[in-house]
Amino acid sequence: MSLDPALTLGLLAKKLGLKLVGDENKSISGLGTLNEANDTQVSFLSRSSYLKQLNETKAAAVILSEEHIDSCPCDYLISKDPYLSYAKASHVFKELMHTKKEVMISELSEVSPEAKLGKNISIGSYSVISDGAVIGDNVEIGSGVYIGKNSKIEESTIIYPNVSIYHDIEIGSFCIIHSGSVLGSDGLGFAKENGEWFKIEHLGKVILGTKVELGANCSIDRGSAGNTVLGNNVKLDNGVHIAHNVTIGDSTAIAANSAIAGSTQIGKNCTISGNCGIIDNIIIGDEVNITALTLVTKSILKPGTYSSGTPVMDHGLWKKNAVAFKKLKDLIKK
């Protein structure tokens, strides 16, 4: 989709609050990577490792820090944090490209007369809004979405197609929930009786704060007794699993395919990389960064970066190290 021809480098710089060195009247059409951007697109440099691509870029302009301006072959916008400025620029372009949503409730949807709907709501075909559900103003609900009894969704939240929201779920304003995600399923809770598992009914809720984003195919279990809570500005990548009664503090981000077991507490401003596993009933404090493939088996209370995954190496060397690891206890005794 083409953008408004009035969008120029000068206007973009003004919107981002950045200093432009170059032609303020140059028309721009979008964003691109350094090695793929054309002469109507804007790119960015956030790492020195991409300086070679900067030298060869065909971009109309590049967002970069002052230390790299001498390497730039084109117009540029100076930023103290080019990656953050790129993020803000993406919003500018999306607003210009995004067509105004059609406010309508599909005739093929099923909305309970006992549900409460706000203003300017869009509901797609084959979606179900159950008894007692409360939908705030300007909420967008895609096709095939299920919203259970007494669930509440606050204003300006976007729910993409084929999301399942069980009963008694609370979702804050300005959230984004991508396709395939499930909120409010039962967690893994069983007790044994005569050698068989006896199910524990999960009676709690899932509560999401404001500006939470869930990637595709996330699963958030409801609390068994008490609630599962994600704070404000929490971000989950695709395929993240949050078990029953987990709490996650404000502005924590979790990458794809990580899983957090029941009743664990995650602090504020943490980052958890992909394919991490965190066991149940432990505490991760604020400002903790966990690298990819890490298995966390005990509480981490001190801010910092933590790792347990083994980095890639030559297979032959890995086999030798694996053999040595088996003998580590005996070597220590010696």
Protein backbone atom coordinates (compact mmCIF):
# COMPACT_ATOMS: atom_id res chain seq x y z
CA MET A 1 0.00 0.00 0.00
CA SER A 2 1.43 3.41 -0.91
CA LEU A 3 1.84 6.09 1.68
CA ASP A 4 0.73 9.69 1.69
CA PRO A 5 3.09 11.45 -0.76
CA ALA A 6 3.31 14.31 1.73
CA LEU A 7 5.44 12.15 4.06
CA THR A 8 8.94 13.50 3.82
CA LEU A 9 12.18 13.08 5.72
CA GLY A 10 11.60 16.45 7.32
CA LEU A 11 8.16 15.42 8.59
CA LEU A 12 9.45 12.09 9.86
CA ALA A 13 12.29 13.81 11.70
CA LYS A 14 9.78 16.17 13.31
CA LYS A 15 7.52 13.30 14.39
CA LEU A 16 10.48 11.45 15.92
CA GLY A 17 12.11 14.54 17.43
CA LEU A 18 15.39 13.86 15.61
CA LYS A 19 17.92 16.08 13.86
CA LEU A 20 17.94 15.53 10.09
CA VAL A 21 21.04 16.04 7.98
CA GLY A 22 19.87 15.95 4.39
CA ASP A 23 16.96 16.84 2.13
CA GLU A 24 13.91 17.56 4.28
CA ASN A 25 11.65 17.49 1.19
CA LYS A 26 12.67 13.98 0.09
CA SER A 27 9.61 11.72 -0.13
CA ILE A 28 9.78 8.40 1.72
CA SER A 29 7.65 5.27 1.37
CA GLY A 30 8.53 2.98 4.26
CA LEU A 31 11.17 1.17 6.30
CA GLY A 32 13.76 -1.35 5.16
CA THR A 33 16.90 -3.12 6.33
CA LEU A 34 20.27 -1.62 5.46
CA ASN A 35 20.94 -4.18 2.74
CA GLU A 36 17.41 -4.22 1.29
CA ALA A 37 16.14 -0.63 1.59
CA ASN A 38 15.65 1.29 -1.66
CA ASP A 39 16.04 5.00 -2.34
CA THR A 40 12.57 5.80 -0.97
CA GLN A 41 12.93 3.87 2.30
CA VAL A 42 14.44 4.67 5.69
CA SER A 43 16.70 2.25 7.53
CA PHE A 44 18.56 2.26 10.87
CA LEU A 45 21.88 1.21 12.39
CA SER A 46 21.83 -0.01 15.98
CA ARG A 47 24.96 -2.21 16.03
CA SER A 48 28.51 -1.52 14.86
CA SER A 49 28.63 -5.03 13.37
CA TYR A 50 26.42 -3.74 10.54
CA LEU A 51 28.76 -0.91 9.49
CA LYS A 52 29.67 -2.69 6.24
CA GLN A 53 25.97 -2.78 5.30
CA LEU A 54 25.72 0.91 6.20
CA ASN A 55 28.55 1.74 3.83
CA GLU A 56 26.76 -0.05 0.99
CA THR A 57 23.15 0.88 1.73
CA LYS A 58 20.88 2.33 -0.96
CA ALA A 59 18.44 3.74 1.62
CA ALA A 60 17.04 7.25 1.32
CA ALA A 61 18.14 7.91 4.88
CA VAL A 62 19.42 6.06 7.95
CA ILE A 63 18.63 6.53 11.61
CA LEU A 64 21.94 6.27 13.49
CA SER A 65 23.95 7.58 16.40
CA GLU A 66 26.33 10.49 16.05
CA GLU A 67 29.40 8.24 16.27
CA HIS A 68 28.51 6.61 12.93
CA ILE A 69 27.63 9.63 10.79
CA ASP A 70 31.00 9.63 8.97
CA SER A 71 30.25 6.13 7.62
CA CYS A 72 26.85 7.03 6.23
CA PRO A 73 26.65 7.46 2.42
CA CYS A 74 23.20 9.08 2.45
CA ASP A 75 20.98 11.44 4.43
CA TYR A 76 20.65 10.57 8.11
CA LEU A 77 18.70 11.24 11.29
CA ILE A 78 20.73 11.43 14.50
CA SER A 79 19.41 9.47 17.47
CA LYS A 80 20.79 8.58 20.90
CA ASP A 81 18.95 5.26 20.61
CA PRO A 82 18.52 4.31 16.91
CA TYR A 83 16.66 1.09 17.70
CA LEU A 84 14.08 2.91 19.80
CA SER A 85 13.73 5.58 17.10
CA TYR A 86 13.22 2.82 14.52
CA ALA A 87 10.46 1.37 16.72
CA LYS A 88 8.76 4.76 16.88
CA ALA A 89 9.17 5.23 13.12
CA SER A 90 7.38 1.92 12.54
CA HIS A 91 4.33 3.39 14.28
CA VAL A 92 4.42 6.44 12.00
CA PHE A 93 4.41 4.26 8.89
CA LYS A 94 1.76 1.89 10.18
CA GLU A 95 -0.59 4.78 10.95
CA LEU A 96 -0.19 6.04 7.40
CA MET A 97 -0.65 2.62 5.81
CA HIS A 98 -3.42 1.30 8.03
CA THR A 99 -6.86 1.72 6.58
CA LYS A 100 -9.52 2.81 9.03
CA LYS A 101 -11.20 -0.23 10.52
CA GLU A 102 -14.78 -0.94 9.61
CA VAL A 103 -16.83 -0.69 12.78
CA MET A 104 -19.38 -3.47 12.54
CA ILE A 105 -20.65 -6.58 14.26
CA SER A 106 -20.89 -9.44 11.79
CA GLU A 107 -24.30 -11.02 11.33
CA LEU A 108 -22.49 -14.35 11.52
CA SER A 109 -21.24 -13.68 15.05
CA GLU A 110 -23.10 -14.76 18.17
CA VAL A 111 -23.41 -12.04 20.81
CA SER A 112 -25.33 -12.74 24.00
CA PRO A 113 -28.05 -10.20 24.84
CA GLU A 114 -26.58 -10.29 28.35
CA ALA A 115 -23.18 -9.08 27.15
CA LYS A 116 -22.31 -5.41 27.49
CA LEU A 117 -20.72 -3.78 24.45
CA GLY A 118 -19.01 -0.40 24.31
CA LYS A 119 -18.82 2.05 21.41
CA ASN A 120 -17.08 1.56 18.04
CA ILE A 121 -16.65 -2.19 18.43
CA SER A 122 -15.79 -4.54 15.59
CA ILE A 123 -16.62 -8.26 15.85
CA GLY A 124 -15.77 -10.68 13.04
CA SER A 125 -17.71 -13.61 11.67
CA TYR A 126 -18.26 -16.74 13.77
CA SER A 127 -17.10 -15.10 16.98
CA VAL A 128 -18.96 -15.80 20.23
CA ILE A 129 -19.49 -13.27 23.02
CA SER A 130 -20.97 -15.07 26.04
CA ASP A 131 -23.33 -14.03 28.83
CA GLY A 132 -22.03 -11.31 31.11
CA ALA A 133 -19.01 -10.44 28.96
CA VAL A 134 -18.03 -6.76 28.99
CA ILE A 135 -16.33 -5.33 25.89
CA GLY A 136 -14.90 -1.81 26.12
CA ASP A 137 -14.90 1.01 23.56
CA ASN A 138 -12.91 0.66 20.33
CA VAL A 139 -12.16 -3.04 20.81
CA GLU A 140 -11.41 -5.07 17.66
CA ILE A 141 -12.34 -8.75 17.72
CA GLY A 142 -11.42 -10.90 14.73
CA SER A 143 -13.24 -13.88 13.28
CA GLY A 144 -13.61 -17.13 15.18
CA VAL A 145 -12.89 -15.62 18.62
CA TYR A 146 -14.52 -17.11 21.71
CA ILE A 147 -15.05 -14.91 24.78
CA GLY A 148 -16.44 -16.77 27.78
CA LYS A 149 -18.92 -15.79 30.46
CA ASN A 150 -18.19 -12.70 32.56
CA SER A 151 -14.89 -11.95 30.87
CA LYS A 152 -13.90 -8.29 30.58
CA ILE A 153 -11.93 -6.60 27.82
CA GLU A 154 -11.05 -2.96 28.27
CA GLU A 155 -10.85 -0.25 25.62
CA SER A 156 -8.81 -0.29 22.42
CA THR A 157 -7.64 -3.88 22.74
CA ILE A 158 -7.13 -5.92 19.56
CA ILE A 159 -7.92 -9.63 19.49
CA TYR A 160 -6.89 -11.41 16.31
CA PRO A 161 -8.80 -14.36 14.79
CA ASN A 162 -9.17 -17.73 16.51
CA VAL A 163 -8.29 -16.64 20.03
CA SER A 164 -10.00 -18.46 22.91
CA ILE A 165 -10.73 -16.48 26.06
CA TYR A 166 -12.37 -18.61 28.73
CA HIS A 167 -14.76 -17.40 31.45
CA ASP A 168 -13.85 -14.75 34.06
CA ILE A 169 -10.78 -13.42 32.25
CA GLU A 170 -9.78 -9.77 32.64
CA ILE A 171 -7.85 -8.04 29.86
CA GLY A 172 -6.67 -4.45 30.18
CA SER A 173 -6.74 -1.62 27.66
CA PHE A 174 -4.51 -1.33 24.57
CA CYS A 175 -3.59 -5.03 24.63
CA ILE A 176 -2.85 -7.13 21.54
CA ILE A 177 -3.59 -10.85 21.46
CA HIS A 178 -2.48 -12.74 18.37
CA SER A 179 -4.12 -15.72 16.71
CA GLY A 180 -4.26 -19.11 18.36
CA SER A 181 -3.65 -17.92 21.90
CA VAL A 182 -5.66 -19.42 24.76
CA LEU A 183 -6.36 -17.58 28.01
CA GLY A 184 -7.88 -19.35 30.98
CA SER A 185 -7.34 -23.05 30.33
CA ASP A 186 -6.77 -25.30 33.34
CA GLY A 187 -3.21 -25.80 34.50
CA LEU A 188 -1.49 -29.05 35.39
CA GLY A 189 -3.09 -29.69 38.77
CA PHE A 190 -3.74 -33.23 39.99
CA ALA A 191 -3.56 -35.21 43.22
CA LYS A 192 -3.08 -38.97 43.40
CA GLU A 193 -5.69 -41.33 44.82
CA ASN A 194 -5.16 -45.09 44.71
CA GLY A 195 -2.61 -44.72 41.95
CA GLU A 196 -4.81 -42.51 39.76
CA TRP A 197 -4.77 -38.79 39.17
CA PHE A 198 -7.60 -36.79 40.75
CA LYS A 199 -8.19 -33.44 39.03
CA ILE A 200 -7.89 -30.14 40.91
CA GLU A 201 -10.47 -27.71 39.58
CA HIS A 202 -9.01 -24.35 38.63
CA LEU A 203 -11.24 -21.64 40.07
CA GLY A 204 -9.09 -18.54 39.62
CA LYS A 205 -8.71 -16.01 36.80
CA VAL A 206 -6.22 -14.72 34.28
CA ILE A 207 -5.67 -10.97 34.66
CA LEU A 208 -3.76 -8.92 32.07
CA GLY A 209 -2.70 -5.32 32.67
CA THR A 210 -2.56 -2.55 30.06
CA LYS A 211 -0.50 -2.71 26.86
CA VAL A 212 0.16 -6.44 27.18
CA GLU A 213 0.98 -8.24 23.92
CA LEU A 214 0.70 -11.99 23.45
CA GLY A 215 2.20 -13.59 20.35
CA ALA A 216 0.57 -16.36 18.37
CA ASN A 217 -0.25 -19.63 20.13
CA CYS A 218 0.49 -18.56 23.68
CA SER A 219 -1.24 -20.40 26.51
CA ILE A 220 -2.00 -18.71 29.81
CA ASP A 221 -3.45 -21.02 32.46
CA ARG A 222 -5.96 -19.70 34.97
CA GLY A 223 -5.14 -19.81 38.66
CA SER A 224 -6.14 -22.85 40.64
CA ALA A 225 -6.75 -20.90 43.86
CA GLY A 226 -5.89 -17.26 43.24
CA ASN A 227 -5.05 -15.74 39.87
CA THR A 228 -2.49 -15.77 37.08
CA VAL A 229 -1.41 -12.16 36.60
CA LEU A 230 0.56 -10.41 33.85
CA GLY A 231 1.45 -6.80 34.71
CA ASN A 232 1.39 -3.72 32.50
CA ASN A 233 3.45 -3.72 29.30
CA VAL A 234 4.35 -7.42 29.51
CA LYS A 235 5.32 -8.86 26.11
CA LEU A 236 5.20 -12.56 25.17
CA ASP A 237 6.57 -13.97 21.92
CA ASN A 238 4.95 -16.86 20.04
CA GLY A 239 4.38 -20.16 21.80
CA VAL A 240 5.04 -19.03 25.37
CA HIS A 241 3.38 -21.06 28.15
CA ILE A 242 2.46 -19.44 31.48
CA ALA A 243 1.20 -21.95 34.04
CA HIS A 244 -1.38 -21.47 36.79
CA ASN A 245 -0.81 -18.80 39.45
CA VAL A 246 2.29 -17.34 37.80
CA THR A 247 2.78 -13.59 38.26
CA ILE A 248 4.84 -11.50 35.84
CA GLY A 249 5.91 -7.96 36.69
CA ASP A 250 5.56 -4.85 34.56
CA SER A 251 7.59 -4.51 31.34
CA THR A 252 8.99 -8.05 31.34
CA ALA A 253 9.50 -9.67 27.91
CA ILE A 254 9.63 -13.41 27.20
CA ALA A 255 10.83 -14.88 23.89
CA ALA A 256 9.39 -17.80 21.95
CA ASN A 257 8.81 -21.31 23.31
CA SER A 258 9.72 -20.54 26.90
CA ALA A 259 7.66 -22.06 29.70
CA ILE A 260 7.13 -20.92 33.29
CA ALA A 261 5.78 -23.48 35.74
CA GLY A 262 3.09 -22.91 38.34
CA SER A 263 3.18 -20.29 41.11
CA THR A 264 6.52 -18.82 40.04
CA GLN A 265 6.93 -15.07 40.43
CA ILE A 266 8.76 -13.08 37.75
CA GLY A 267 9.79 -9.51 38.58
CA LYS A 268 9.69 -6.27 36.64
CA ASN A 269 11.84 -5.36 33.62
CA CYS A 270 13.13 -8.89 33.09
CA THR A 271 14.02 -10.50 29.78
CA ILE A 272 13.70 -14.25 29.24
CA SER A 273 15.14 -15.51 25.97
CA GLY A 274 13.84 -18.31 23.78
CA ASN A 275 13.40 -21.93 24.86
CA CYS A 276 13.96 -21.27 28.55
CA GLY A 277 12.37 -23.38 31.26
CA ILE A 278 11.60 -22.06 34.75
CA ILE A 279 10.43 -24.50 37.41
CA ASP A 280 7.53 -23.96 39.80
CA ASN A 281 7.34 -22.04 43.05
CA ILE A 282 10.47 -19.91 42.70
CA ILE A 283 11.09 -16.17 42.55
CA ILE A 284 12.86 -14.26 39.78
CA GLY A 285 13.61 -10.73 40.97
CA ASP A 286 13.51 -7.45 39.04
CA GLU A 287 15.98 -6.64 36.24
CA VAL A 288 16.99 -10.27 35.63
CA ASN A 289 18.07 -11.30 32.11
CA ILE A 290 18.02 -15.01 31.26
CA THR A 291 19.75 -16.16 28.08
CA ALA A 292 18.45 -18.73 25.59
CA LEU A 293 18.02 -22.42 26.53
CA THR A 294 18.53 -21.73 30.22
CA LEU A 295 16.91 -24.03 32.79
CA VAL A 296 16.16 -22.13 36.00
CA THR A 297 15.82 -24.47 38.98
CA LYS A 298 16.17 -22.04 41.89
CA SER A 299 15.24 -18.47 42.74
CA ILE A 300 17.26 -15.56 41.32
CA LEU A 301 17.05 -12.51 43.55
CA LYS A 302 19.99 -10.43 42.33
CA PRO A 303 19.70 -8.38 39.10
CA GLY A 304 21.99 -9.48 36.28
CA THR A 305 22.37 -11.90 33.39
CA TYR A 306 22.14 -15.67 33.91
CA SER A 307 22.85 -18.61 31.59
CA SER A 308 22.90 -22.41 31.62
CA GLY A 309 22.63 -23.48 27.98
CA THR A 310 25.79 -24.82 26.27
CA PRO A 311 26.90 -22.74 23.26
CA VAL A 312 27.37 -24.50 19.92
CA MET A 313 30.74 -26.12 19.22
CA ASP A 314 32.31 -28.64 16.88
CA HIS A 315 30.59 -32.01 17.37
CA GLY A 316 33.84 -33.85 18.04
CA LEU A 317 34.80 -31.38 20.75
CA TRP A 318 31.29 -31.58 22.20
CA LYS A 319 31.56 -35.39 22.52
CA LYS A 320 34.92 -35.11 24.29
CA ASN A 321 33.51 -32.50 26.67
CA ALA A 322 30.45 -34.68 27.33
CA VAL A 323 32.72 -37.57 28.32
CA ALA A 324 34.76 -35.27 30.55
CA PHE A 325 31.60 -33.96 32.19
CA LYS A 326 30.61 -37.51 33.20
CA LYS A 327 33.96 -37.85 34.97
CA LEU A 328 33.86 -34.39 36.57
CA LYS A 329 32.90 -35.64 40.04
CA ASP A 330 35.79 -38.11 40.12
CA LEU A 331 38.23 -35.48 38.82
CA ILE A 332 37.18 -33.09 41.59
CA LYS A 333 37.75 -35.82 44.22
CA LYS A 334 41.26 -36.39 42.87
